Amino acid sequence: MKIKIIIMAVIILVISALFLSTYSFPKAINVVRDAVSFVEYDEKPATLTNVQVTGTLFRPLFKQHRFEGEIIIDGYEFTKQAIVVPILKHKNEVNYSQLIYFSEIKPYDPVAIASIYYDDKFERFTIVTRDEWIEKEPKSLYYIVSGNSYEEAFESQNILSGKLGDNSFIAPQNRLK
């Protein structure tokens, strides 16, 4: 009798281990968030925009997390394509990834590259890139951040930064002075 219990426990343990090692714990995401865009150290007012996120966040226990879907930014036609975004860093429900958008024409070269910091629900996010996206001198950073104003965007960045423990993506506070 004890042998049968031990065998059943081992079988259940093996099945559970296999399930946990292969299941990706997918989470569907379908949101449209208000955002502001601005150039670092540029005194022009932030521009209101929308970011639509549709796809699935995969969070396996023993493999790299990833997002598969679309991150479409109003005003940027090249963002209207499906992408796979490996999550390079995950801490306290905040993710760091690289967005890479490719040309739809052979040889499918990258058209735009950006860093993105976002929470698991895409309620708060910061997209940071060089300002070639808006055709200015490429010495400044270009930000697209969740919020309806520069102040809300900066607060969103502070929350993500605090959770991730990384303030490298925080925009300078030049508009708050």
N, C-alpha and C. Protein backbone atom coordinates (compact mmCIF):
# COMPACT_ATOMS: atom_id res chain seq x y z
N MET A 1 0.82 -1.20 0.00
CA MET A 1 0.00 0.00 0.00
C MET A 1 0.86 1.26 0.00
N LYS A 2 1.93 1.27 0.81
CA LYS A 2 2.81 2.43 0.86
C LYS A 2 3.53 2.63 -0.47
N ILE A 3 3.87 1.54 -1.12
CA ILE A 3 4.55 1.62 -2.41
C ILE A 3 3.64 2.30 -3.43
N LYS A 4 2.35 1.95 -3.46
CA LYS A 4 1.40 2.55 -4.39
C LYS A 4 1.28 4.06 -4.14
N ILE A 5 1.25 4.46 -2.89
CA ILE A 5 1.14 5.89 -2.54
C ILE A 5 2.39 6.63 -2.99
N ILE A 6 3.55 6.03 -2.77
CA ILE A 6 4.81 6.66 -3.18
C ILE A 6 4.87 6.77 -4.70
N ILE A 7 4.47 5.71 -5.40
CA ILE A 7 4.48 5.74 -6.87
C ILE A 7 3.52 6.80 -7.38
N MET A 8 2.32 6.88 -6.82
CA MET A 8 1.35 7.91 -7.23
C MET A 8 1.89 9.31 -6.95
N ALA A 9 2.51 9.51 -5.80
CA ALA A 9 3.08 10.81 -5.46
C ALA A 9 4.18 11.19 -6.44
N VAL A 10 5.03 10.23 -6.81
CA VAL A 10 6.10 10.51 -7.77
C VAL A 10 5.52 10.84 -9.14
N ILE A 11 4.50 10.08 -9.56
CA ILE A 11 3.87 10.35 -10.85
C ILE A 11 3.24 11.75 -10.87
N ILE A 12 2.53 12.09 -9.82
CA ILE A 12 1.93 13.43 -9.72
C ILE A 12 3.00 14.51 -9.71
N LEU A 13 4.08 14.27 -9.00
CA LEU A 13 5.18 15.22 -8.94
C LEU A 13 5.83 15.40 -10.31
N VAL A 14 6.05 14.32 -11.04
CA VAL A 14 6.66 14.39 -12.37
C VAL A 14 5.73 15.13 -13.34
N ILE A 15 4.44 14.81 -13.30
CA ILE A 15 3.48 15.49 -14.18
C ILE A 15 3.43 16.98 -13.85
N SER A 16 3.41 17.31 -12.58
CA SER A 16 3.39 18.72 -12.17
C SER A 16 4.66 19.44 -12.62
N ALA A 17 5.80 18.80 -12.47
CA ALA A 17 7.07 19.40 -12.88
C ALA A 17 7.09 19.63 -14.40
N LEU A 18 6.61 18.65 -15.16
CA LEU A 18 6.55 18.81 -16.62
C LEU A 18 5.62 19.95 -17.00
N PHE A 19 4.48 20.04 -16.37
CA PHE A 19 3.53 21.12 -16.65
C PHE A 19 4.16 22.48 -16.36
N LEU A 20 4.75 22.62 -15.18
CA LEU A 20 5.32 23.91 -14.79
C LEU A 20 6.52 24.29 -15.65
N SER A 21 7.25 23.31 -16.15
CA SER A 21 8.43 23.63 -16.96
C SER A 21 8.07 23.97 -18.41
N THR A 22 6.89 23.58 -18.87
CA THR A 22 6.54 23.83 -20.27
C THR A 22 5.43 24.87 -20.45
N TYR A 23 4.59 25.07 -19.48
CA TYR A 23 3.47 26.00 -19.64
C TYR A 23 3.97 27.44 -19.57
N SER A 24 3.46 28.31 -20.42
CA SER A 24 3.96 29.69 -20.53
C SER A 24 3.15 30.72 -19.76
N PHE A 25 2.07 30.33 -19.11
CA PHE A 25 1.22 31.25 -18.36
C PHE A 25 0.91 32.50 -19.19
N PRO A 26 0.23 32.33 -20.34
CA PRO A 26 -0.06 33.47 -21.22
C PRO A 26 -1.07 34.43 -20.59
N LYS A 27 -0.88 35.70 -20.90
CA LYS A 27 -1.79 36.75 -20.43
C LYS A 27 -2.11 37.63 -21.63
N ALA A 28 -3.38 37.65 -22.02
CA ALA A 28 -3.80 38.46 -23.17
C ALA A 28 -3.80 39.93 -22.79
N ILE A 29 -3.29 40.76 -23.69
CA ILE A 29 -3.25 42.21 -23.50
C ILE A 29 -3.96 42.85 -24.68
N ASN A 30 -4.89 43.75 -24.40
CA ASN A 30 -5.58 44.49 -25.46
C ASN A 30 -5.98 45.84 -24.87
N VAL A 31 -5.08 46.81 -24.97
CA VAL A 31 -5.33 48.12 -24.36
C VAL A 31 -4.93 49.24 -25.31
N VAL A 32 -5.55 50.39 -25.12
CA VAL A 32 -5.14 51.62 -25.78
C VAL A 32 -4.88 52.61 -24.65
N ARG A 33 -3.67 53.14 -24.61
CA ARG A 33 -3.29 54.06 -23.53
C ARG A 33 -2.95 55.44 -24.10
N ASP A 34 -3.35 56.46 -23.36
CA ASP A 34 -2.93 57.82 -23.68
C ASP A 34 -1.46 57.95 -23.34
N ALA A 35 -0.76 58.74 -24.13
CA ALA A 35 0.66 58.94 -23.89
C ALA A 35 1.05 60.34 -24.34
N VAL A 36 2.22 60.76 -23.90
CA VAL A 36 2.80 62.01 -24.36
C VAL A 36 4.16 61.70 -24.97
N SER A 37 4.51 62.47 -25.99
CA SER A 37 5.82 62.30 -26.60
C SER A 37 6.56 63.62 -26.54
N PHE A 38 7.87 63.53 -26.31
CA PHE A 38 8.68 64.74 -26.21
C PHE A 38 10.13 64.39 -26.43
N VAL A 39 10.91 65.41 -26.76
CA VAL A 39 12.34 65.27 -26.97
C VAL A 39 13.06 65.78 -25.73
N GLU A 40 14.06 65.06 -25.33
CA GLU A 40 14.86 65.44 -24.17
C GLU A 40 15.45 66.84 -24.37
N TYR A 41 15.33 67.67 -23.35
CA TYR A 41 15.86 69.04 -23.33
C TYR A 41 15.22 69.98 -24.35
N ASP A 42 14.16 69.56 -25.00
CA ASP A 42 13.45 70.43 -25.95
C ASP A 42 12.32 71.10 -25.18
N GLU A 43 12.28 72.42 -25.23
CA GLU A 43 11.28 73.14 -24.44
C GLU A 43 9.90 73.18 -25.09
N LYS A 44 9.75 72.59 -26.27
CA LYS A 44 8.43 72.54 -26.89
C LYS A 44 7.51 71.67 -26.05
N PRO A 45 6.23 71.97 -26.03
CA PRO A 45 5.31 71.17 -25.21
C PRO A 45 5.24 69.72 -25.69
N ALA A 46 4.94 68.85 -24.76
CA ALA A 46 4.78 67.43 -25.09
C ALA A 46 3.56 67.27 -26.01
N THR A 47 3.62 66.30 -26.89
CA THR A 47 2.54 66.02 -27.82
C THR A 47 1.72 64.84 -27.32
N LEU A 48 0.40 64.97 -27.33
CA LEU A 48 -0.46 63.86 -26.93
C LEU A 48 -0.55 62.83 -28.05
N THR A 49 -0.55 61.56 -27.69
CA THR A 49 -0.66 60.48 -28.66
C THR A 49 -1.34 59.28 -28.00
N ASN A 50 -1.51 58.21 -28.72
CA ASN A 50 -2.06 56.97 -28.19
C ASN A 50 -1.13 55.82 -28.54
N VAL A 51 -1.09 54.84 -27.65
CA VAL A 51 -0.33 53.62 -27.90
C VAL A 51 -1.29 52.46 -27.73
N GLN A 52 -1.42 51.66 -28.77
CA GLN A 52 -2.30 50.49 -28.73
C GLN A 52 -1.44 49.24 -28.59
N VAL A 53 -1.76 48.42 -27.59
CA VAL A 53 -1.01 47.19 -27.34
C VAL A 53 -1.99 46.03 -27.43
N THR A 54 -1.71 45.13 -28.37
CA THR A 54 -2.54 43.95 -28.56
C THR A 54 -1.62 42.76 -28.70
N GLY A 55 -1.84 41.75 -27.88
CA GLY A 55 -1.00 40.56 -27.99
C GLY A 55 -1.07 39.73 -26.73
N THR A 56 -0.02 38.96 -26.52
CA THR A 56 0.04 38.04 -25.39
C THR A 56 1.38 38.17 -24.70
N LEU A 57 1.34 38.27 -23.39
CA LEU A 57 2.53 38.27 -22.55
C LEU A 57 2.73 36.84 -22.06
N PHE A 58 3.85 36.23 -22.41
CA PHE A 58 4.16 34.86 -21.98
C PHE A 58 5.14 34.93 -20.82
N ARG A 59 4.81 34.22 -19.73
CA ARG A 59 5.63 34.29 -18.52
C ARG A 59 5.95 32.90 -17.98
N PRO A 60 6.72 32.09 -18.72
CA PRO A 60 7.05 30.75 -18.23
C PRO A 60 7.95 30.83 -16.99
N LEU A 61 7.90 29.79 -16.18
CA LEU A 61 8.68 29.81 -14.94
C LEU A 61 10.18 29.69 -15.17
N PHE A 62 10.58 28.85 -16.14
CA PHE A 62 11.99 28.54 -16.29
C PHE A 62 12.59 28.98 -17.62
N LYS A 63 11.88 29.83 -18.36
CA LYS A 63 12.38 30.32 -19.64
C LYS A 63 12.23 31.83 -19.67
N GLN A 64 12.82 32.42 -20.70
CA GLN A 64 12.74 33.87 -20.86
C GLN A 64 11.30 34.30 -21.16
N HIS A 65 10.84 35.34 -20.48
CA HIS A 65 9.52 35.90 -20.74
C HIS A 65 9.56 36.64 -22.07
N ARG A 66 8.38 36.79 -22.72
CA ARG A 66 8.32 37.51 -23.98
C ARG A 66 6.92 38.06 -24.21
N PHE A 67 6.84 39.07 -25.07
CA PHE A 67 5.57 39.61 -25.52
C PHE A 67 5.50 39.38 -27.02
N GLU A 68 4.36 38.85 -27.48
CA GLU A 68 4.11 38.67 -28.91
C GLU A 68 2.85 39.42 -29.27
N GLY A 69 2.94 40.30 -30.25
CA GLY A 69 1.77 41.06 -30.65
C GLY A 69 2.16 42.33 -31.36
N GLU A 70 1.40 43.39 -31.11
CA GLU A 70 1.63 44.68 -31.74
C GLU A 70 1.69 45.77 -30.68
N ILE A 71 2.63 46.67 -30.85
CA ILE A 71 2.70 47.90 -30.06
C ILE A 71 2.68 49.03 -31.08
N ILE A 72 1.48 49.57 -31.30
CA ILE A 72 1.26 50.55 -32.36
C ILE A 72 1.20 51.95 -31.74
N ILE A 73 2.05 52.82 -32.27
CA ILE A 73 2.11 54.19 -31.78
C ILE A 73 1.51 55.08 -32.85
N ASP A 74 0.47 55.85 -32.48
CA ASP A 74 -0.18 56.74 -33.44
C ASP A 74 0.85 57.66 -34.09
N GLY A 75 0.73 57.79 -35.39
CA GLY A 75 1.61 58.69 -36.13
C GLY A 75 2.85 58.01 -36.68
N TYR A 76 3.08 56.75 -36.35
CA TYR A 76 4.25 56.03 -36.83
C TYR A 76 3.78 54.77 -37.55
N GLU A 77 3.65 54.88 -38.86
CA GLU A 77 3.11 53.80 -39.68
C GLU A 77 3.92 52.51 -39.53
N PHE A 78 5.24 52.64 -39.37
CA PHE A 78 6.08 51.45 -39.28
C PHE A 78 5.81 50.60 -38.04
N THR A 79 5.09 51.16 -37.05
CA THR A 79 4.80 50.37 -35.84
C THR A 79 3.60 49.44 -36.03
N LYS A 80 2.94 49.50 -37.18
CA LYS A 80 1.77 48.66 -37.43
C LYS A 80 2.19 47.30 -37.97
N GLN A 81 2.92 46.55 -37.16
CA GLN A 81 3.36 45.22 -37.56
C GLN A 81 3.51 44.35 -36.32
N ALA A 82 3.37 43.06 -36.53
CA ALA A 82 3.52 42.12 -35.42
C ALA A 82 4.99 42.02 -35.04
N ILE A 83 5.25 41.96 -33.74
CA ILE A 83 6.62 41.84 -33.25
C ILE A 83 6.68 40.81 -32.14
N VAL A 84 7.85 40.27 -31.91
CA VAL A 84 8.13 39.41 -30.77
C VAL A 84 9.18 40.14 -29.95
N VAL A 85 8.85 40.40 -28.70
CA VAL A 85 9.72 41.19 -27.84
C VAL A 85 10.18 40.34 -26.66
N PRO A 86 11.43 39.87 -26.69
CA PRO A 86 11.92 39.15 -25.51
C PRO A 86 12.10 40.12 -24.35
N ILE A 87 11.73 39.68 -23.18
CA ILE A 87 11.86 40.52 -21.99
C ILE A 87 13.26 40.31 -21.43
N LEU A 88 14.08 41.34 -21.50
CA LEU A 88 15.48 41.24 -21.13
C LEU A 88 15.68 41.35 -19.62
N LYS A 89 14.77 42.07 -18.96
CA LYS A 89 14.86 42.21 -17.50
C LYS A 89 13.45 42.27 -16.96
N HIS A 90 13.20 41.54 -15.88
CA HIS A 90 11.88 41.55 -15.23
C HIS A 90 12.11 41.63 -13.73
N LYS A 91 11.51 42.64 -13.11
CA LYS A 91 11.66 42.80 -11.67
C LYS A 91 10.44 43.56 -11.14
N ASN A 92 9.82 43.03 -10.09
CA ASN A 92 8.69 43.69 -9.43
C ASN A 92 7.59 44.10 -10.41
N GLU A 93 7.23 43.20 -11.31
CA GLU A 93 6.17 43.41 -12.29
C GLU A 93 6.49 44.50 -13.31
N VAL A 94 7.76 44.81 -13.49
CA VAL A 94 8.19 45.76 -14.51
C VAL A 94 9.13 45.04 -15.46
N ASN A 95 8.94 45.27 -16.75
CA ASN A 95 9.72 44.60 -17.78
C ASN A 95 10.54 45.61 -18.57
N TYR A 96 11.68 45.15 -19.05
CA TYR A 96 12.51 45.94 -19.95
C TYR A 96 12.74 45.12 -21.21
N SER A 97 12.49 45.73 -22.37
CA SER A 97 12.66 45.04 -23.65
C SER A 97 13.20 46.02 -24.68
N GLN A 98 13.55 45.47 -25.83
CA GLN A 98 13.94 46.27 -26.99
C GLN A 98 12.89 46.10 -28.07
N LEU A 99 12.36 47.20 -28.57
CA LEU A 99 11.44 47.16 -29.71
C LEU A 99 12.27 47.31 -30.98
N ILE A 100 12.04 46.42 -31.92
CA ILE A 100 12.72 46.53 -33.22
C ILE A 100 11.65 46.38 -34.29
N TYR A 101 11.49 47.43 -35.07
CA TYR A 101 10.53 47.41 -36.17
C TYR A 101 11.32 47.27 -37.47
N PHE A 102 10.87 46.35 -38.34
CA PHE A 102 11.58 46.05 -39.58
C PHE A 102 10.82 46.59 -40.78
N SER A 103 11.56 46.83 -41.85
CA SER A 103 10.97 47.21 -43.12
C SER A 103 10.15 46.04 -43.65
N GLU A 104 9.07 46.35 -44.32
CA GLU A 104 8.24 45.29 -44.89
C GLU A 104 8.73 44.89 -46.29
N ILE A 105 9.80 45.53 -46.74
CA ILE A 105 10.37 45.27 -48.06
C ILE A 105 11.73 44.60 -47.87
N LYS A 106 12.01 43.58 -48.70
CA LYS A 106 13.32 42.92 -48.61
C LYS A 106 14.41 43.94 -48.74
N PRO A 107 15.45 43.88 -48.01
CA PRO A 107 15.94 42.80 -47.16
C PRO A 107 15.48 42.88 -45.70
N TYR A 108 14.36 43.54 -45.43
CA TYR A 108 13.75 43.61 -44.11
C TYR A 108 14.69 44.22 -43.06
N ASP A 109 15.31 45.30 -43.40
CA ASP A 109 16.22 45.98 -42.48
C ASP A 109 15.44 46.62 -41.34
N PRO A 110 16.09 46.79 -40.17
CA PRO A 110 15.42 47.50 -39.08
C PRO A 110 15.15 48.95 -39.47
N VAL A 111 13.95 49.44 -39.17
CA VAL A 111 13.60 50.82 -39.46
C VAL A 111 13.68 51.66 -38.20
N ALA A 112 13.38 51.06 -37.07
CA ALA A 112 13.38 51.80 -35.81
C ALA A 112 13.68 50.85 -34.66
N ILE A 113 14.47 51.34 -33.74
CA ILE A 113 14.84 50.56 -32.56
C ILE A 113 14.58 51.45 -31.34
N ALA A 114 14.01 50.88 -30.30
CA ALA A 114 13.73 51.64 -29.08
C ALA A 114 13.79 50.72 -27.88
N SER A 115 14.01 51.29 -26.72
CA SER A 115 13.88 50.57 -25.46
C SER A 115 12.49 50.81 -24.92
N ILE A 116 11.92 49.80 -24.27
CA ILE A 116 10.60 49.97 -23.66
C ILE A 116 10.64 49.39 -22.25
N TYR A 117 10.11 50.17 -21.33
CA TYR A 117 9.93 49.76 -19.94
C TYR A 117 8.44 49.77 -19.69
N TYR A 118 7.88 48.68 -19.15
CA TYR A 118 6.43 48.62 -18.99
C TYR A 118 6.06 47.65 -17.87
N ASP A 119 4.88 47.89 -17.28
CA ASP A 119 4.40 46.97 -16.26
C ASP A 119 3.63 45.83 -16.94
N ASP A 120 3.28 44.82 -16.17
CA ASP A 120 2.66 43.61 -16.73
C ASP A 120 1.30 43.87 -17.37
N LYS A 121 0.65 44.98 -17.02
CA LYS A 121 -0.67 45.30 -17.59
C LYS A 121 -0.60 46.41 -18.64
N PHE A 122 0.59 46.88 -18.94
CA PHE A 122 0.79 47.99 -19.86
C PHE A 122 0.01 49.22 -19.41
N GLU A 123 -0.16 49.40 -18.10
CA GLU A 123 -0.79 50.63 -17.60
C GLU A 123 0.20 51.78 -17.61
N ARG A 124 1.45 51.46 -17.36
CA ARG A 124 2.52 52.46 -17.38
C ARG A 124 3.62 51.94 -18.29
N PHE A 125 4.17 52.83 -19.10
CA PHE A 125 5.26 52.44 -19.98
C PHE A 125 6.08 53.66 -20.35
N THR A 126 7.31 53.41 -20.73
CA THR A 126 8.20 54.44 -21.26
C THR A 126 8.90 53.83 -22.46
N ILE A 127 8.78 54.49 -23.60
CA ILE A 127 9.52 54.09 -24.80
C ILE A 127 10.58 55.16 -25.02
N VAL A 128 11.83 54.73 -25.12
CA VAL A 128 12.94 55.67 -25.29
C VAL A 128 13.69 55.30 -26.56
N THR A 129 13.92 56.29 -27.40
CA THR A 129 14.66 56.05 -28.64
C THR A 129 15.45 57.31 -28.98
N ARG A 130 16.26 57.21 -30.00
CA ARG A 130 16.92 58.40 -30.53
C ARG A 130 15.87 59.19 -31.30
N ASP A 131 16.06 60.46 -31.42
CA ASP A 131 15.02 61.27 -32.05
C ASP A 131 15.04 61.23 -33.57
N GLU A 132 15.72 60.25 -34.19
CA GLU A 132 15.58 60.07 -35.63
C GLU A 132 14.13 59.76 -35.98
N TRP A 133 13.37 59.25 -35.02
CA TRP A 133 11.95 58.96 -35.25
C TRP A 133 11.22 60.23 -35.69
N ILE A 134 11.70 61.37 -35.24
CA ILE A 134 11.02 62.62 -35.59
C ILE A 134 11.92 63.53 -36.42
N GLU A 135 13.00 63.00 -36.93
CA GLU A 135 13.89 63.67 -37.87
C GLU A 135 14.50 64.96 -37.31
N LYS A 136 15.14 64.85 -36.19
CA LYS A 136 15.91 65.96 -35.63
C LYS A 136 17.35 65.48 -35.47
N GLU A 137 18.18 66.31 -34.89
CA GLU A 137 19.56 65.90 -34.66
C GLU A 137 19.56 64.70 -33.71
N PRO A 138 20.31 63.65 -34.06
CA PRO A 138 20.25 62.43 -33.25
C PRO A 138 21.05 62.47 -31.96
N LYS A 139 21.19 63.64 -31.36
CA LYS A 139 21.93 63.73 -30.10
C LYS A 139 21.01 63.65 -28.89
N SER A 140 19.73 63.82 -29.10
CA SER A 140 18.77 63.82 -28.00
C SER A 140 17.97 62.53 -27.98
N LEU A 141 17.35 62.26 -26.85
CA LEU A 141 16.47 61.10 -26.73
C LEU A 141 15.03 61.53 -26.96
N TYR A 142 14.27 60.64 -27.50
CA TYR A 142 12.85 60.86 -27.77
C TYR A 142 12.06 59.91 -26.88
N TYR A 143 11.10 60.46 -26.15
CA TYR A 143 10.32 59.68 -25.18
C TYR A 143 8.86 59.61 -25.60
N ILE A 144 8.26 58.44 -25.41
CA ILE A 144 6.82 58.27 -25.51
C ILE A 144 6.42 57.58 -24.21
N VAL A 145 5.65 58.29 -23.39
CA VAL A 145 5.41 57.85 -22.02
C VAL A 145 3.91 57.88 -21.71
N SER A 146 3.44 56.89 -20.97
CA SER A 146 2.03 56.85 -20.58
C SER A 146 1.69 58.07 -19.72
N GLY A 147 0.52 58.64 -20.00
CA GLY A 147 0.05 59.80 -19.25
C GLY A 147 -0.61 60.80 -20.18
N ASN A 148 -1.27 61.78 -19.58
CA ASN A 148 -1.96 62.83 -20.34
C ASN A 148 -1.23 64.17 -20.30
N SER A 149 -0.14 64.24 -19.54
CA SER A 149 0.64 65.47 -19.43
C SER A 149 2.08 65.08 -19.11
N TYR A 150 2.96 66.07 -19.23
CA TYR A 150 4.36 65.80 -18.89
C TYR A 150 4.49 65.38 -17.43
N GLU A 151 3.73 66.01 -16.55
CA GLU A 151 3.80 65.68 -15.12
C GLU A 151 3.37 64.23 -14.87
N GLU A 152 2.26 63.80 -15.51
CA GLU A 152 1.81 62.41 -15.36
C GLU A 152 2.84 61.45 -15.94
N ALA A 153 3.45 61.83 -17.06
CA ALA A 153 4.46 60.97 -17.67
C ALA A 153 5.67 60.82 -16.75
N PHE A 154 6.10 61.92 -16.16
CA PHE A 154 7.25 61.85 -15.26
C PHE A 154 6.92 60.99 -14.04
N GLU A 155 5.70 61.12 -13.52
CA GLU A 155 5.28 60.28 -12.38
C GLU A 155 5.26 58.81 -12.78
N SER A 156 4.77 58.52 -13.98
CA SER A 156 4.76 57.14 -14.49
C SER A 156 6.17 56.59 -14.57
N GLN A 157 7.10 57.40 -15.07
CA GLN A 157 8.50 56.98 -15.14
C GLN A 157 9.07 56.72 -13.75
N ASN A 158 8.76 57.58 -12.81
CA ASN A 158 9.26 57.40 -11.44
C ASN A 158 8.75 56.11 -10.82
N ILE A 159 7.50 55.77 -11.04
CA ILE A 159 6.94 54.53 -10.48
C ILE A 159 7.64 53.32 -11.09
N LEU A 160 7.78 53.30 -12.42
CA LEU A 160 8.47 52.18 -13.07
C LEU A 160 9.92 52.09 -12.61
N SER A 161 10.58 53.22 -12.52
CA SER A 161 11.98 53.26 -12.10
C SER A 161 12.14 52.72 -10.68
N GLY A 162 11.23 53.13 -9.79
CA GLY A 162 11.31 52.66 -8.41
C GLY A 162 11.15 51.16 -8.30
N LYS A 163 10.22 50.61 -9.07
CA LYS A 163 9.99 49.16 -9.02
C LYS A 163 11.14 48.38 -9.66
N LEU A 164 11.70 48.91 -10.75
CA LEU A 164 12.75 48.21 -11.48
C LEU A 164 14.12 48.45 -10.85
N GLY A 165 14.26 49.57 -10.14
CA GLY A 165 15.55 49.88 -9.54
C GLY A 165 16.54 50.39 -10.59
N ASP A 166 16.03 51.04 -11.62
CA ASP A 166 16.86 51.53 -12.71
C ASP A 166 16.31 52.88 -13.15
N ASN A 167 17.07 53.95 -12.95
CA ASN A 167 16.57 55.27 -13.33
C ASN A 167 17.19 55.76 -14.64
N SER A 168 17.80 54.86 -15.40
CA SER A 168 18.47 55.29 -16.63
C SER A 168 17.52 55.75 -17.71
N PHE A 169 16.23 55.42 -17.61
CA PHE A 169 15.27 55.80 -18.65
C PHE A 169 14.41 56.98 -18.25
N ILE A 170 14.71 57.61 -17.15
CA ILE A 170 13.92 58.75 -16.68
C ILE A 170 14.30 60.02 -17.45
N ALA A 171 13.28 60.68 -17.98
CA ALA A 171 13.53 61.93 -18.73
C ALA A 171 13.97 63.02 -17.76
N PRO A 172 14.82 63.93 -18.22
CA PRO A 172 15.19 65.08 -17.38
C PRO A 172 13.95 65.90 -17.05
N GLN A 173 13.98 66.57 -15.93
CA GLN A 173 12.82 67.32 -15.47
C GLN A 173 12.79 68.74 -16.01
N ASN A 174 13.28 68.98 -17.21
CA ASN A 174 13.39 70.35 -17.70
C ASN A 174 12.04 71.06 -17.83
N ARG A 175 10.94 70.35 -18.02
CA ARG A 175 9.65 71.03 -18.15
C ARG A 175 8.98 71.30 -16.80
N LEU A 176 9.50 70.70 -15.76
CA LEU A 176 8.86 70.87 -14.45
C LEU A 176 9.43 72.08 -13.70
N LYS A 177 10.43 72.73 -14.23
CA LYS A 177 11.05 73.88 -13.55
C LYS A 177 10.19 75.11 -13.67
